[in-house]
């Protein structure tokens, strides 16, 4: 169809795929564009520095590492649509919502995850582990533990 698929990689570093490997798999290496530049303004996601022009009029596939509540991916979808892009689907390595986040809830034609699990999510203000063990129970080497401690003024 000649349309470019714009892959939006959020909050992770994509693995480089060489054009030779893409051609071996029957894909055209220049048919994909990667847009990895989006920023947060408060809780909103927006494109800066001209990247909105790359998205405008394109079919876009949002690629996430982990989906929990779906809030982050919904903000990314909104930023794409606000920039004039057409979100054709969402792919994720892991959907930890237990089935509550679906293509319909994200208002996209398809959501495909390699792994679908139910992971209990506990709000930070009622976390019994945090209450009992304090800040020492928070891992800062992965996830958003460090961001949490900074926000609470503990780091």
Protein backbone atom coordinates (compact mmCIF):
# COMPACT_ATOMS: atom_id res chain seq x y z
CA UNK A 1 0.00 0.00 0.00
CA UNK A 2 3.01 2.29 0.27
CA UNK A 3 2.07 3.39 3.77
CA UNK A 4 4.82 3.58 6.33
CA UNK A 5 4.31 1.93 9.66
CA UNK A 6 5.67 4.13 12.38
CA UNK A 7 6.80 2.22 15.41
CA UNK A 8 6.73 4.16 18.63
CA UNK A 9 9.04 2.63 21.18
CA UNK A 10 8.33 4.00 24.61
CA UNK A 11 10.71 3.92 27.50
CA UNK A 12 13.02 1.20 26.23
CA UNK A 13 15.91 0.82 23.85
CA UNK A 14 14.91 -1.16 20.74
CA UNK A 15 17.19 -3.93 19.49
CA UNK A 16 18.87 -2.96 16.23
CA UNK A 17 17.65 -5.00 13.27
CA UNK A 18 19.92 -4.69 10.25
CA UNK A 19 18.51 -4.08 6.79
CA UNK A 20 20.10 -7.37 5.64
CA UNK A 21 18.13 -9.35 8.25
CA UNK A 22 14.93 -7.53 7.32
CA UNK A 23 15.44 -8.34 3.63
CA UNK A 24 16.10 -12.00 4.49
CA UNK A 25 12.69 -12.06 6.18
CA UNK A 26 10.99 -10.49 3.14
CA UNK A 27 10.60 -7.03 4.66
CA UNK A 28 11.59 -3.71 3.19
CA UNK A 29 13.95 -2.05 5.67
CA UNK A 30 12.87 1.46 4.70
CA UNK A 31 9.17 0.69 5.24
CA UNK A 32 9.58 1.11 8.98
CA UNK A 33 10.33 4.31 10.82
CA UNK A 34 11.16 4.38 14.49
CA UNK A 35 10.05 7.38 16.49
CA UNK A 36 11.37 7.26 20.00
CA UNK A 37 11.22 10.93 20.95
CA UNK A 38 8.25 11.87 23.06
CA UNK A 39 8.27 13.73 26.32
CA UNK A 40 6.08 14.12 29.36
CA UNK A 41 4.54 17.48 30.15
CA UNK A 42 2.94 16.92 33.51
CA UNK A 43 1.06 13.70 32.86
CA UNK A 44 0.54 14.37 29.14
CA UNK A 45 2.69 12.91 26.34
CA UNK A 46 3.63 15.13 23.40
CA UNK A 47 6.03 15.01 20.47
CA UNK A 48 8.67 17.72 20.23
CA UNK A 49 11.41 18.82 17.84
CA UNK A 50 9.42 18.06 14.69
CA UNK A 51 8.67 14.41 15.44
CA UNK A 52 4.95 15.17 15.24
CA UNK A 53 5.46 15.68 11.48
CA UNK A 54 6.85 12.14 11.16
CA UNK A 55 3.68 10.73 12.73
CA UNK A 56 1.16 12.91 10.84
CA UNK A 57 -0.79 10.92 8.27
CA UNK A 58 0.99 7.66 9.09
CA UNK A 59 -0.28 4.31 10.32
CA UNK A 60 1.33 3.80 13.71
CA UNK A 61 2.00 0.71 15.78
CA UNK A 62 2.64 1.41 19.46
CA UNK A 63 5.13 -1.00 21.02
CA UNK A 64 5.28 -1.29 24.82
CA UNK A 65 7.40 -3.41 27.09
CA UNK A 66 4.89 -3.81 29.94
CA UNK A 67 1.24 -2.78 30.24
CA UNK A 68 -0.16 -2.48 33.76
CA UNK A 69 -3.23 -0.24 33.93
CA UNK A 70 -2.95 0.94 30.33
CA UNK A 71 -2.64 4.61 31.35
CA UNK A 72 0.78 5.17 29.75
CA UNK A 73 -0.14 3.54 26.46
CA UNK A 74 -3.42 5.53 26.38
CA UNK A 75 -1.41 8.76 26.72
CA UNK A 76 0.90 7.64 23.91
CA UNK A 77 -2.09 6.81 21.68
CA UNK A 78 -3.58 10.24 22.41
CA UNK A 79 -0.28 11.96 21.53
CA UNK A 80 -0.17 10.10 18.21
CA UNK A 81 -3.75 10.98 17.37
CA UNK A 82 -3.23 14.60 18.42
CA UNK A 83 -0.27 14.69 16.00
CA UNK A 84 -2.43 13.34 13.16
CA UNK A 85 -1.34 9.70 13.24
CA UNK A 86 -3.58 6.65 12.88
CA UNK A 87 -2.96 4.03 15.59
CA UNK A 88 -3.45 0.62 13.97
CA UNK A 89 -2.61 -1.41 17.05
CA UNK A 90 -0.58 -1.95 20.18
CA UNK A 91 1.99 -4.66 20.77
CA UNK A 92 3.43 -5.48 24.18
CA UNK A 93 5.88 -7.94 25.60
CA UNK A 94 3.75 -8.40 28.71
CA UNK A 95 0.21 -7.35 29.60
CA UNK A 96 -0.03 -7.58 33.39
CA UNK A 97 -3.63 -6.33 33.58
CA UNK A 98 -5.18 -9.79 33.71
CA UNK A 99 -7.28 -9.05 30.66
CA UNK A 100 -8.75 -5.74 31.77
CA UNK A 101 -6.67 -3.79 29.23
CA UNK A 102 -7.80 -4.81 25.73
CA UNK A 103 -7.84 -3.29 22.27
CA UNK A 104 -11.37 -2.04 22.95
CA UNK A 105 -10.40 -0.33 26.22
CA UNK A 106 -7.52 1.40 24.41
CA UNK A 107 -9.75 2.26 21.41
CA UNK A 108 -7.42 0.50 18.97
CA UNK A 109 -8.20 -2.29 16.48
CA UNK A 110 -5.85 -4.79 18.13
CA UNK A 111 -3.74 -5.31 21.24
CA UNK A 112 -1.34 -8.25 21.03
CA UNK A 113 0.86 -9.28 23.96
CA UNK A 114 3.41 -12.07 24.04
CA UNK A 115 2.56 -12.76 27.67
CA UNK A 116 -0.76 -12.12 29.42
CA UNK A 117 -0.79 -12.42 33.20
CA UNK A 118 -2.65 -11.02 36.17
CA UNK A 119 -0.36 -9.17 38.53
CA UNK A 120 -1.86 -7.67 41.62
CA UNK A 121 -1.24 -3.95 41.76
CA UNK A 122 -1.33 -2.21 45.11
CA UNK A 123 -1.57 1.55 45.43
CA UNK A 124 1.51 2.95 47.12
CA UNK A 125 -0.43 4.64 49.92
CA UNK A 126 -1.90 1.30 51.10
CA UNK A 127 1.08 -1.00 50.47
CA UNK A 128 1.58 -3.15 53.57
CA UNK A 129 5.20 -3.96 52.63
CA UNK A 130 6.07 -0.26 52.38
CA UNK A 131 4.34 0.39 55.69
CA UNK A 132 6.10 -2.48 57.51
CA UNK A 133 9.59 -2.29 55.99
CA UNK A 134 9.75 1.35 54.91
CA UNK A 135 11.90 2.71 52.10
CA UNK A 136 14.43 -0.13 52.39
CA UNK A 137 11.83 -2.41 50.78
CA UNK A 138 11.82 -0.31 47.59
CA UNK A 139 14.11 -1.47 44.79
CA UNK A 140 15.85 1.40 43.04
CA UNK A 141 17.71 -0.67 40.45
CA UNK A 142 14.63 -1.41 38.35
CA UNK A 143 11.18 -0.07 37.68
CA UNK A 144 10.22 3.27 39.18
CA UNK A 145 11.42 2.68 42.74
CA UNK A 146 13.96 5.49 42.66
CA UNK A 147 11.39 7.90 41.20
CA UNK A 148 8.98 6.92 44.01
CA UNK A 149 11.56 7.58 46.76
CA UNK A 150 12.49 10.96 45.24
CA UNK A 151 8.80 11.92 44.98
CA UNK A 152 8.29 11.00 48.65
CA UNK A 153 11.41 12.99 49.67
CA UNK A 154 13.16 9.86 50.93
CA UNK A 155 16.10 9.94 48.52
